[in-house]
N, C-alpha and C. Protein backbone atom coordinates (compact mmCIF):
# COMPACT_ATOMS: atom_id res chain seq x y z
N MET A 1 -53.41 -38.57 -58.80
CA MET A 1 -53.08 -37.35 -58.47
C MET A 1 -53.37 -37.20 -57.17
N GLY A 2 -54.31 -38.03 -56.47
CA GLY A 2 -54.39 -37.78 -55.04
C GLY A 2 -53.15 -38.28 -54.41
N VAL A 3 -52.23 -39.26 -54.92
CA VAL A 3 -51.21 -39.79 -54.35
C VAL A 3 -50.00 -38.50 -54.08
N LEU A 4 -49.90 -37.54 -55.07
CA LEU A 4 -49.06 -36.39 -54.80
C LEU A 4 -49.37 -35.63 -54.12
N ALA A 5 -50.69 -35.22 -53.87
CA ALA A 5 -51.22 -34.15 -52.82
C ALA A 5 -51.02 -34.69 -51.65
N LYS A 6 -50.91 -35.89 -51.39
CA LYS A 6 -50.99 -36.18 -49.94
C LYS A 6 -49.12 -36.12 -49.38
N LYS A 7 -48.56 -36.42 -50.36
CA LYS A 7 -47.18 -35.86 -50.04
C LYS A 7 -46.63 -34.76 -49.83
N LYS A 8 -47.24 -33.97 -50.68
CA LYS A 8 -46.90 -32.36 -50.15
C LYS A 8 -47.48 -31.84 -48.73
N GLN A 9 -48.31 -32.50 -48.37
CA GLN A 9 -48.78 -31.82 -47.28
C GLN A 9 -48.29 -32.54 -46.04
N ARG A 10 -47.23 -33.05 -46.50
CA ARG A 10 -46.07 -33.67 -44.96
C ARG A 10 -45.54 -32.51 -44.63
N LYS A 11 -45.69 -32.34 -42.98
CA LYS A 11 -44.72 -31.06 -42.52
C LYS A 11 -43.27 -31.37 -42.54
N ASP A 12 -42.80 -30.08 -42.53
CA ASP A 12 -41.31 -30.14 -42.68
C ASP A 12 -40.74 -30.52 -41.07
N ALA A 13 -39.66 -31.17 -41.29
CA ALA A 13 -38.84 -31.31 -40.16
C ALA A 13 -38.47 -30.37 -39.16
N GLU A 14 -38.56 -30.36 -38.29
CA GLU A 14 -38.64 -29.07 -36.85
C GLU A 14 -37.03 -29.48 -36.25
N ILE A 15 -36.23 -28.41 -35.89
CA ILE A 15 -35.56 -28.70 -34.95
C ILE A 15 -35.88 -28.71 -33.48
N PRO A 16 -35.71 -29.61 -32.21
CA PRO A 16 -36.39 -29.55 -31.12
C PRO A 16 -35.39 -28.54 -30.39
N THR A 17 -36.17 -27.64 -29.65
CA THR A 17 -35.52 -26.41 -28.97
C THR A 17 -35.61 -26.43 -27.57
N SER A 18 -36.48 -27.37 -26.94
CA SER A 18 -36.82 -27.39 -25.35
C SER A 18 -35.79 -27.23 -24.56
N SER A 19 -34.43 -27.96 -24.88
CA SER A 19 -33.56 -27.99 -23.96
C SER A 19 -32.29 -26.72 -24.07
N MET A 20 -32.69 -25.89 -25.39
CA MET A 20 -32.04 -24.70 -25.10
C MET A 20 -31.86 -23.94 -24.33
N ALA A 21 -32.82 -23.55 -23.79
CA ALA A 21 -32.96 -22.49 -22.55
C ALA A 21 -31.88 -22.95 -21.52
N ASP A 22 -32.12 -24.28 -21.07
CA ASP A 22 -31.61 -25.03 -19.94
C ASP A 22 -29.72 -24.83 -20.64
N ILE A 23 -29.40 -25.01 -21.57
CA ILE A 23 -27.77 -25.01 -22.09
C ILE A 23 -27.49 -23.63 -22.00
N ALA A 24 -28.15 -22.79 -22.46
CA ALA A 24 -28.11 -21.09 -22.25
C ALA A 24 -27.77 -20.83 -20.59
N PHE A 25 -28.76 -21.33 -19.86
CA PHE A 25 -28.75 -21.04 -18.36
C PHE A 25 -27.08 -21.46 -17.81
N LEU A 26 -26.70 -23.07 -18.23
CA LEU A 26 -25.54 -23.58 -17.72
C LEU A 26 -24.41 -22.70 -18.53
N LEU A 27 -24.49 -22.44 -19.31
CA LEU A 27 -23.20 -21.73 -19.56
C LEU A 27 -23.24 -20.24 -19.18
N LEU A 28 -24.44 -19.64 -18.76
CA LEU A 28 -24.23 -18.72 -18.28
C LEU A 28 -23.79 -18.57 -16.82
N ILE A 29 -24.13 -19.73 -16.06
CA ILE A 29 -23.53 -20.16 -14.47
C ILE A 29 -22.16 -20.34 -14.77
N PHE A 30 -21.84 -21.20 -15.96
CA PHE A 30 -20.38 -21.63 -16.27
C PHE A 30 -19.39 -19.90 -15.87
N PHE A 31 -19.80 -19.23 -17.02
CA PHE A 31 -19.10 -17.86 -17.13
C PHE A 31 -18.94 -17.21 -16.10
N LEU A 32 -19.96 -17.08 -15.24
CA LEU A 32 -19.91 -16.06 -13.74
C LEU A 32 -19.21 -16.65 -12.81
N VAL A 33 -19.12 -18.23 -12.95
CA VAL A 33 -18.40 -19.02 -11.86
C VAL A 33 -16.66 -18.65 -12.15
N THR A 34 -16.42 -18.64 -13.75
CA THR A 34 -15.03 -18.87 -13.88
C THR A 34 -14.59 -17.36 -13.88
N THR A 35 -15.46 -16.15 -14.11
CA THR A 35 -14.90 -15.15 -14.31
C THR A 35 -14.23 -14.15 -13.16
N THR A 36 -13.15 -13.78 -13.18
CA THR A 36 -12.41 -13.10 -11.87
C THR A 36 -12.78 -11.47 -12.42
N ILE A 37 -13.26 -11.18 -10.91
CA ILE A 37 -13.63 -9.54 -10.92
C ILE A 37 -12.38 -8.93 -10.38
N ASP A 38 -11.91 -7.94 -10.57
CA ASP A 38 -10.61 -7.15 -10.39
C ASP A 38 -11.43 -6.08 -9.14
N VAL A 39 -10.82 -6.41 -7.81
CA VAL A 39 -11.07 -5.69 -6.74
C VAL A 39 -10.34 -4.58 -6.21
N ASP A 40 -10.33 -3.63 -6.18
CA ASP A 40 -9.54 -2.64 -5.37
C ASP A 40 -9.16 -2.58 -4.06
N THR A 41 -8.20 -2.96 -3.98
CA THR A 41 -7.31 -3.18 -2.48
C THR A 41 -7.26 -1.98 -1.41
N GLY A 42 -7.27 -0.92 -1.90
CA GLY A 42 -6.92 0.35 -1.41
C GLY A 42 -5.53 0.28 -0.85
N ILE A 43 -5.26 1.33 0.15
CA ILE A 43 -4.07 1.63 0.70
C ILE A 43 -3.78 0.81 1.92
N GLY A 44 -2.67 -0.15 1.84
CA GLY A 44 -2.36 -0.86 3.38
C GLY A 44 -1.84 -0.18 4.33
N MET A 45 -2.59 -0.09 5.12
CA MET A 45 -2.00 1.09 6.23
C MET A 45 -2.40 0.36 7.73
N THR A 46 -1.34 0.17 8.67
CA THR A 46 -1.70 0.03 9.86
C THR A 46 -2.01 0.88 10.86
N LEU A 47 -3.31 1.07 11.41
CA LEU A 47 -3.73 1.93 12.02
C LEU A 47 -3.51 1.56 13.50
N PRO A 48 -3.23 3.03 14.51
CA PRO A 48 -2.89 2.78 15.77
C PRO A 48 -4.32 1.92 16.61
N PRO A 49 -4.00 1.33 17.60
CA PRO A 49 -5.64 1.07 18.17
C PRO A 49 -6.27 2.48 18.73
N ASP A 50 -7.83 2.27 19.12
CA ASP A 50 -8.08 3.49 19.53
C ASP A 50 -8.12 3.72 20.95
N LEU A 51 -8.01 4.59 21.19
CA LEU A 51 -7.68 5.11 22.44
C LEU A 51 -9.06 4.95 23.45
N ASP A 52 -8.67 4.99 24.63
CA ASP A 52 -9.88 4.76 25.58
C ASP A 52 -10.53 6.37 25.54
N GLN A 53 -11.73 6.21 26.11
CA GLN A 53 -12.43 7.49 26.04
C GLN A 53 -12.06 8.56 27.03
N GLU A 54 -11.47 8.01 28.22
CA GLU A 54 -11.04 9.18 28.71
C GLU A 54 -9.50 9.37 28.77
N GLN A 55 -8.93 8.70 28.32
CA GLN A 55 -7.48 8.67 27.69
C GLN A 55 -7.06 9.85 26.85
N GLU A 56 -6.23 10.78 27.27
CA GLU A 56 -6.00 11.63 26.34
C GLU A 56 -4.76 11.31 25.49
N PRO A 57 -4.59 11.98 24.27
CA PRO A 57 -3.81 11.77 23.22
C PRO A 57 -2.51 12.13 23.64
N PRO A 58 -1.06 11.32 23.60
CA PRO A 58 0.04 12.19 24.35
C PRO A 58 0.29 13.61 23.67
N PRO A 59 0.98 14.48 24.55
CA PRO A 59 1.36 15.62 24.28
C PRO A 59 2.26 15.95 23.11
N VAL A 60 2.22 16.49 22.33
CA VAL A 60 3.11 17.01 21.31
C VAL A 60 3.40 18.64 21.26
N ARG A 61 4.67 18.90 21.36
CA ARG A 61 5.31 20.31 21.66
C ARG A 61 4.69 20.58 20.00
N GLU A 62 4.42 22.00 19.87
CA GLU A 62 4.26 22.69 18.61
C GLU A 62 5.32 22.56 17.64
N ARG A 63 6.67 22.63 18.37
CA ARG A 63 7.98 22.78 17.73
C ARG A 63 8.13 21.55 16.73
N ASN A 64 7.72 20.32 17.61
CA ASN A 64 8.16 19.03 17.19
C ASN A 64 6.99 18.30 15.92
N LEU A 65 6.32 19.60 15.40
CA LEU A 65 4.87 18.97 14.80
C LEU A 65 5.08 19.98 13.30
N LEU A 66 5.10 19.02 12.30
CA LEU A 66 4.90 19.83 11.13
C LEU A 66 3.62 19.41 10.41
N LYS A 67 2.87 20.38 10.37
CA LYS A 67 1.50 20.46 9.95
C LYS A 67 1.44 20.40 8.37
N ILE A 68 0.88 19.43 7.84
CA ILE A 68 0.35 19.67 6.34
C ILE A 68 -1.15 19.28 5.89
N LEU A 69 -1.73 20.54 5.38
CA LEU A 69 -3.00 20.61 5.40
C LEU A 69 -3.39 20.35 3.85
N ILE A 70 -4.31 19.43 3.47
CA ILE A 70 -4.57 19.66 1.78
C ILE A 70 -6.18 19.83 2.00
N ASN A 71 -6.61 21.01 1.50
CA ASN A 71 -7.80 22.06 1.46
C ASN A 71 -8.65 20.84 0.54
N ALA A 72 -10.06 21.21 0.33
CA ALA A 72 -10.80 20.46 -0.63
C ALA A 72 -10.65 20.82 -1.82
N GLN A 73 -9.95 22.19 -1.96
CA GLN A 73 -9.55 22.83 -3.98
C GLN A 73 -8.26 22.20 -4.27
N GLY A 74 -7.78 21.37 -3.17
CA GLY A 74 -6.35 20.78 -3.80
C GLY A 74 -5.05 21.38 -3.43
N GLN A 75 -5.47 22.49 -2.49
CA GLN A 75 -4.24 23.62 -2.10
C GLN A 75 -3.61 22.83 -0.99
N VAL A 76 -2.11 22.94 -0.98
CA VAL A 76 -1.34 22.33 0.01
C VAL A 76 -1.07 23.50 0.68
N LEU A 77 -1.14 23.07 2.07
CA LEU A 77 -0.58 24.20 2.90
C LEU A 77 0.63 23.52 4.18
N LEU A 78 1.66 24.00 4.09
CA LEU A 78 2.82 23.49 5.03
C LEU A 78 2.78 24.66 6.29
N GLU A 79 2.38 24.44 7.27
CA GLU A 79 2.67 25.37 8.45
C GLU A 79 1.95 26.39 7.98
N ASP A 80 0.53 26.08 7.48
CA ASP A 80 -0.39 27.41 7.14
C ASP A 80 0.15 28.38 6.05
N LEU A 81 1.22 28.03 5.46
CA LEU A 81 1.75 28.70 4.06
C LEU A 81 1.32 27.88 2.80
N PRO A 82 0.92 28.77 1.94
CA PRO A 82 0.81 28.00 0.82
C PRO A 82 2.06 27.25 0.14
N SER A 83 2.08 25.93 -0.39
CA SER A 83 2.87 25.44 -0.91
C SER A 83 2.44 24.45 -2.04
N SER A 84 3.60 23.85 -2.40
CA SER A 84 3.26 22.48 -3.38
C SER A 84 3.63 21.21 -3.06
N VAL A 85 3.38 20.24 -3.68
CA VAL A 85 3.31 18.89 -3.14
C VAL A 85 5.01 18.74 -3.38
N ALA A 86 5.64 19.13 -4.25
CA ALA A 86 6.97 18.87 -4.52
C ALA A 86 7.91 19.52 -3.43
N GLN A 87 7.26 20.40 -2.51
CA GLN A 87 8.11 21.18 -1.29
C GLN A 87 8.01 19.81 -0.10
N ILE A 88 7.05 19.42 -0.42
CA ILE A 88 6.95 18.30 0.98
C ILE A 88 8.00 17.76 1.38
N ARG A 89 8.61 17.03 0.47
CA ARG A 89 9.79 16.13 0.87
C ARG A 89 11.02 16.85 1.77
N SER A 90 11.55 17.87 0.85
CA SER A 90 12.47 18.63 1.50
C SER A 90 12.32 19.28 2.89
N GLU A 91 10.71 19.60 2.96
CA GLU A 91 10.82 20.22 4.27
C GLU A 91 10.42 19.16 5.34
N VAL A 92 9.92 17.89 5.21
CA VAL A 92 9.92 17.05 5.91
C VAL A 92 11.36 16.48 6.49
N LEU A 93 12.10 16.39 5.15
CA LEU A 93 13.64 16.11 5.56
C LEU A 93 14.29 17.30 6.56
N THR A 94 14.09 18.42 6.40
CA THR A 94 14.55 19.54 7.24
C THR A 94 14.06 19.11 8.45
N HIS A 95 13.04 19.26 8.84
CA HIS A 95 11.88 19.08 9.92
C HIS A 95 12.49 17.90 10.84
N VAL A 96 12.91 16.44 10.18
CA VAL A 96 13.19 15.49 10.96
C VAL A 96 14.62 15.63 11.27
N GLN A 97 15.60 16.18 10.40
CA GLN A 97 16.93 15.74 10.79
C GLN A 97 17.67 17.22 11.22
N ASN A 98 16.43 17.98 11.93
CA ASN A 98 17.08 19.19 12.46
C ASN A 98 17.93 19.24 13.90
N ASN A 99 17.65 18.40 14.49
CA ASN A 99 18.57 18.22 15.82
C ASN A 99 18.20 19.31 16.69
N GLY A 100 17.42 20.14 16.53
CA GLY A 100 17.32 21.37 17.66
C GLY A 100 17.92 22.53 17.18
N VAL A 101 18.55 22.42 16.15
CA VAL A 101 19.41 23.80 15.35
C VAL A 101 18.20 24.65 15.13
N ASP A 102 17.52 24.61 14.34
CA ASP A 102 16.35 25.68 14.19
C ASP A 102 15.01 25.39 14.98
N PRO A 103 15.03 26.64 15.46
CA PRO A 103 13.73 26.63 16.51
C PRO A 103 12.32 26.60 15.81
N ARG A 104 12.40 26.56 14.70
CA ARG A 104 11.22 26.43 13.66
C ARG A 104 10.79 25.13 13.43
N TYR A 105 12.15 23.89 13.75
CA TYR A 105 11.43 22.64 13.27
C TYR A 105 11.82 21.50 14.61
N SER A 106 11.83 20.51 14.74
CA SER A 106 12.04 19.68 15.68
C SER A 106 13.33 19.67 16.43
N GLU A 107 13.05 19.35 17.81
CA GLU A 107 14.03 19.25 18.60
C GLU A 107 15.17 17.98 18.53
N SER A 108 14.50 16.99 17.85
CA SER A 108 15.23 15.56 17.98
C SER A 108 14.20 14.70 16.72
N PRO A 109 15.12 13.64 16.10
CA PRO A 109 14.42 12.56 15.13
C PRO A 109 13.07 11.98 15.91
N ASN A 110 13.25 11.62 17.21
CA ASN A 110 12.68 10.81 17.71
C ASN A 110 10.88 11.78 18.30
N LYS A 111 11.22 13.06 18.14
CA LYS A 111 10.08 13.73 18.70
C LYS A 111 9.45 14.41 17.58
N ALA A 112 10.05 14.16 16.42
CA ALA A 112 9.56 14.65 14.91
C ALA A 112 8.16 13.96 14.57
N VAL A 113 7.22 14.83 14.33
CA VAL A 113 5.86 14.30 13.87
C VAL A 113 5.07 15.17 12.87
N VAL A 114 4.84 14.25 11.86
CA VAL A 114 4.50 14.92 10.76
C VAL A 114 2.85 14.49 10.44
N SER A 115 2.46 15.51 10.75
CA SER A 115 0.97 15.46 10.44
C SER A 115 0.46 15.92 9.35
N ILE A 116 -0.38 15.09 8.66
CA ILE A 116 -1.43 15.56 7.43
C ILE A 116 -2.85 15.16 7.80
N LYS A 117 -3.41 16.54 7.64
CA LYS A 117 -5.02 16.69 7.67
C LYS A 117 -5.47 17.02 6.38
N THR A 118 -6.56 16.35 6.29
CA THR A 118 -7.10 16.56 4.73
C THR A 118 -8.63 17.02 5.05
N ASP A 119 -9.40 17.24 3.99
CA ASP A 119 -10.74 17.57 4.02
C ASP A 119 -11.40 16.38 3.24
N ARG A 120 -12.69 16.11 3.68
CA ARG A 120 -13.46 15.01 2.83
C ARG A 120 -13.49 15.15 1.33
N GLU A 121 -13.52 16.55 1.11
CA GLU A 121 -13.52 16.59 -0.32
C GLU A 121 -12.12 16.73 -1.20
N THR A 122 -11.04 16.36 -0.42
CA THR A 122 -9.35 16.29 -1.06
C THR A 122 -9.71 15.58 -1.92
N PRO A 123 -8.62 15.89 -3.22
CA PRO A 123 -8.73 14.90 -4.35
C PRO A 123 -7.69 13.89 -3.90
N TYR A 124 -8.45 12.68 -4.37
CA TYR A 124 -7.79 11.22 -3.49
C TYR A 124 -6.18 11.28 -4.15
N ASN A 125 -5.88 11.85 -5.39
CA ASN A 125 -4.66 11.68 -6.28
C ASN A 125 -3.59 12.46 -5.32
N LEU A 126 -3.90 13.56 -4.92
CA LEU A 126 -3.35 14.85 -4.15
C LEU A 126 -3.50 13.99 -2.94
N TYR A 127 -3.87 13.62 -2.32
CA TYR A 127 -3.60 12.89 -0.91
C TYR A 127 -2.73 11.79 -0.67
N ILE A 128 -2.85 10.78 -2.02
CA ILE A 128 -1.62 10.10 -2.37
C ILE A 128 -0.24 10.47 -2.46
N GLN A 129 -0.18 11.41 -3.07
CA GLN A 129 1.22 12.10 -3.67
C GLN A 129 1.95 12.67 -2.42
N THR A 130 0.99 13.48 -1.43
CA THR A 130 1.78 13.75 -0.68
C THR A 130 2.13 12.57 0.58
N MET A 131 1.15 11.77 0.57
CA MET A 131 1.95 10.58 1.15
C MET A 131 3.01 10.01 0.94
N ASP A 132 2.94 9.75 -0.41
CA ASP A 132 4.23 9.42 -1.08
C ASP A 132 5.54 10.36 -0.95
N GLU A 133 5.51 11.46 -0.80
CA GLU A 133 6.34 12.35 -0.57
C GLU A 133 6.84 12.16 0.70
N VAL A 134 6.05 12.30 1.73
CA VAL A 134 6.34 11.85 3.28
C VAL A 134 7.02 10.67 3.50
N TRP A 135 6.78 9.62 2.62
CA TRP A 135 7.21 8.26 3.05
C TRP A 135 8.77 8.17 2.38
N MET A 136 8.93 8.80 1.13
CA MET A 136 10.17 9.36 0.28
C MET A 136 10.96 10.23 1.05
N ALA A 137 10.49 11.00 1.82
CA ALA A 137 11.75 11.37 2.71
C ALA A 137 12.23 10.63 3.88
N TYR A 138 11.10 9.93 4.63
CA TYR A 138 12.00 9.05 5.61
C TYR A 138 13.11 8.14 4.94
N PHE A 139 12.55 7.52 3.47
CA PHE A 139 13.25 6.46 2.95
C PHE A 139 14.55 7.33 2.49
N GLU A 140 14.54 8.27 2.47
CA GLU A 140 16.00 9.20 1.76
C GLU A 140 16.76 9.18 3.05
N ILE A 141 16.07 9.50 4.10
CA ILE A 141 16.81 9.49 5.29
C ILE A 141 17.38 8.20 6.08
N TRP A 142 16.75 6.89 5.97
CA TRP A 142 17.42 5.82 6.25
C TRP A 142 18.12 5.34 4.93
N ASP A 143 17.72 5.55 3.75
CA ASP A 143 19.07 5.15 2.75
C ASP A 143 20.47 5.52 3.17
N THR A 144 20.42 7.05 3.56
CA THR A 144 21.46 8.01 3.73
C THR A 144 22.44 6.89 5.29
N GLU A 145 21.29 6.89 6.01
CA GLU A 145 21.93 6.28 7.58
C GLU A 145 22.51 4.78 7.24
N ALA A 146 22.03 3.98 6.26
CA ALA A 146 22.25 2.71 5.76
C ALA A 146 23.51 2.45 5.08
N ARG A 147 24.00 3.78 4.17
CA ARG A 147 25.21 4.12 3.59
C ARG A 147 26.04 4.39 4.43
N SER A 148 26.17 5.05 5.60
CA SER A 148 26.83 5.66 6.70
C SER A 148 27.50 4.27 7.48
N MET A 149 26.64 3.15 7.40
CA MET A 149 26.73 2.03 7.71
C MET A 149 27.16 0.78 7.06
N GLY A 150 27.90 1.33 5.95
CA GLY A 150 28.38 0.22 5.04
C GLY A 150 27.64 -0.34 4.05
N PHE A 151 26.38 -0.08 4.04
CA PHE A 151 25.18 -0.84 3.11
C PHE A 151 25.04 0.14 1.67
N ALA A 152 24.44 -0.79 0.97
CA ALA A 152 24.31 -0.30 -0.49
C ALA A 152 22.89 1.05 -0.23
N ASP A 153 22.28 0.60 0.63
CA ASP A 153 21.18 1.34 0.95
C ASP A 153 20.01 0.61 1.68
N TYR A 154 19.09 1.21 2.15
CA TYR A 154 18.14 0.56 3.11
C TYR A 154 17.57 -0.45 2.83
N THR A 155 17.53 -0.92 1.47
CA THR A 155 17.02 -2.15 1.32
C THR A 155 17.99 -3.36 1.55
N ASP A 156 18.99 -3.08 1.11
CA ASP A 156 20.03 -3.83 1.27
C ASP A 156 20.41 -3.90 2.99
N TYR A 157 20.17 -3.09 3.75
CA TYR A 157 20.40 -3.12 5.23
C TYR A 157 19.34 -4.27 5.63
N ARG A 158 17.97 -4.22 5.35
CA ARG A 158 16.75 -4.95 5.58
C ARG A 158 17.12 -6.37 5.31
N ALA A 159 17.71 -6.32 4.32
CA ALA A 159 17.86 -7.83 3.83
C ALA A 159 18.88 -8.53 4.46
N GLN A 160 19.80 -7.48 5.20
CA GLN A 160 20.88 -8.12 5.78
C GLN A 160 20.35 -8.53 7.33
N LEU A 161 19.25 -7.83 7.72
CA LEU A 161 18.53 -8.09 9.21
C LEU A 161 18.06 -9.52 9.22
N GLU A 162 18.07 -10.04 10.23
CA GLU A 162 17.54 -11.25 10.75
C GLU A 162 16.27 -10.95 11.21
N ASP A 163 15.22 -12.14 11.35
CA ASP A 163 13.82 -11.44 11.68
C ASP A 163 14.00 -11.22 13.04
N VAL A 164 14.42 -11.53 13.98
CA VAL A 164 14.89 -11.23 15.51
C VAL A 164 15.69 -9.82 15.49
N ALA A 165 16.42 -9.42 14.72
CA ALA A 165 17.13 -8.24 15.12
C ALA A 165 16.59 -7.14 15.02
N GLU A 166 16.89 -6.04 15.91
CA GLU A 166 16.23 -4.77 16.08
C GLU A 166 16.79 -4.06 14.50
N ASN A 167 15.93 -2.81 14.36
CA ASN A 167 16.20 -2.07 13.27
C ASN A 167 16.80 -0.85 13.68
N GLU A 168 18.48 -0.92 13.71
CA GLU A 168 18.77 0.45 14.28
C GLU A 168 18.65 1.51 13.39
N ILE A 169 18.34 1.65 12.58
CA ILE A 169 18.16 2.86 11.81
C ILE A 169 16.60 3.20 11.85
N ARG A 170 15.65 2.52 11.99
CA ARG A 170 14.09 2.84 12.33
C ARG A 170 14.21 3.31 13.70
N GLU A 171 14.99 2.62 14.65
CA GLU A 171 14.88 3.27 15.92
C GLU A 171 15.63 4.57 16.12
N LYS A 172 16.89 4.84 15.54
CA LYS A 172 17.50 6.26 15.44
C LYS A 172 16.45 7.11 14.64
N TRP A 173 16.00 6.89 13.87
CA TRP A 173 14.94 7.93 12.91
C TRP A 173 13.64 7.30 12.45
N PRO A 174 12.89 7.19 13.71
CA PRO A 174 11.67 6.50 13.61
C PRO A 174 10.42 7.53 13.09
N ALA A 175 9.49 7.02 11.83
CA ALA A 175 8.64 7.45 10.86
C ALA A 175 7.36 7.56 11.92
N GLN A 176 7.25 9.03 12.15
CA GLN A 176 6.01 9.16 13.13
C GLN A 176 4.99 10.09 12.28
N VAL A 177 4.50 9.64 11.52
CA VAL A 177 3.38 10.26 10.78
C VAL A 177 1.86 10.31 11.29
N SER A 178 1.34 11.33 11.07
CA SER A 178 -0.10 11.53 11.99
C SER A 178 -1.03 11.68 10.78
N LEU A 179 -2.36 11.18 10.75
CA LEU A 179 -3.23 11.19 9.84
C LEU A 179 -4.42 11.83 10.67
N ALA A 180 -4.59 12.99 10.56
CA ALA A 180 -5.43 13.79 11.31
C ALA A 180 -7.10 13.05 10.94
N GLU A 181 -8.00 13.22 11.51
CA GLU A 181 -9.41 13.34 11.16
C GLU A 181 -9.76 14.21 10.33
N PRO A 182 -10.24 13.88 9.24
CA PRO A 182 -10.29 15.10 7.92
C PRO A 182 -11.52 16.01 8.43
N ASP A 183 -11.50 17.00 7.96
CA ASP A 183 -12.62 17.73 7.99
C ASP A 183 -13.66 17.61 7.48
N PRO A 184 -15.06 17.82 8.22
CA PRO A 184 -16.32 17.21 7.39
C PRO A 184 -16.61 17.62 6.04
N GLY A 185 -16.22 18.93 5.80
CA GLY A 185 -16.27 19.62 4.76
C GLY A 185 -17.74 20.17 4.68
N SER A 186 -18.11 20.75 3.26
CA SER A 186 -19.40 21.63 3.52
C SER A 186 -20.63 20.59 3.09
N SER A 187 -21.42 20.82 3.77
CA SER A 187 -22.59 20.03 3.13
C SER A 187 -23.51 21.05 2.80
N ASP A 188 -23.49 20.98 1.25
CA ASP A 188 -24.25 22.10 0.58
C ASP A 188 -25.65 20.98 0.26
């Protein structure tokens, strides 16, 4: 009987786990290195260079300036009158293509400036919609001009341009969009 008792006292076999932490750490590093993280790129815009402190901004006659204001509550004001985002494109088209006919709008396409001013609390999607409407107005003008020159549209015209060629349409109808410094908003 003494022999059987000795056999039962034998320890069970254990799985070695000392290197388990090292393996988990290596897997963690592997997944961190191979995972891609989406990064918002924002809006790609080319900003003008800073003016010298003593240099005054170029003068713009009030007639040539189309003012668009978007306040913190998301209200759109065109020339200080309540409006909607849907009306911006037609107002920009009228302003840029006026050629001095209506005294409320610009004297010529070269002098027409569209000024967009926001509040720091302006909803971001409303700002984007406003910018889209302004640029769509310019693309509509450029498409019309390209068609009058015998092209399918402005994109087709651009494809026909050589890298060194001047863009006649952009020279005739320059896009002059001014992004005014946002109001600081309320500091409650």
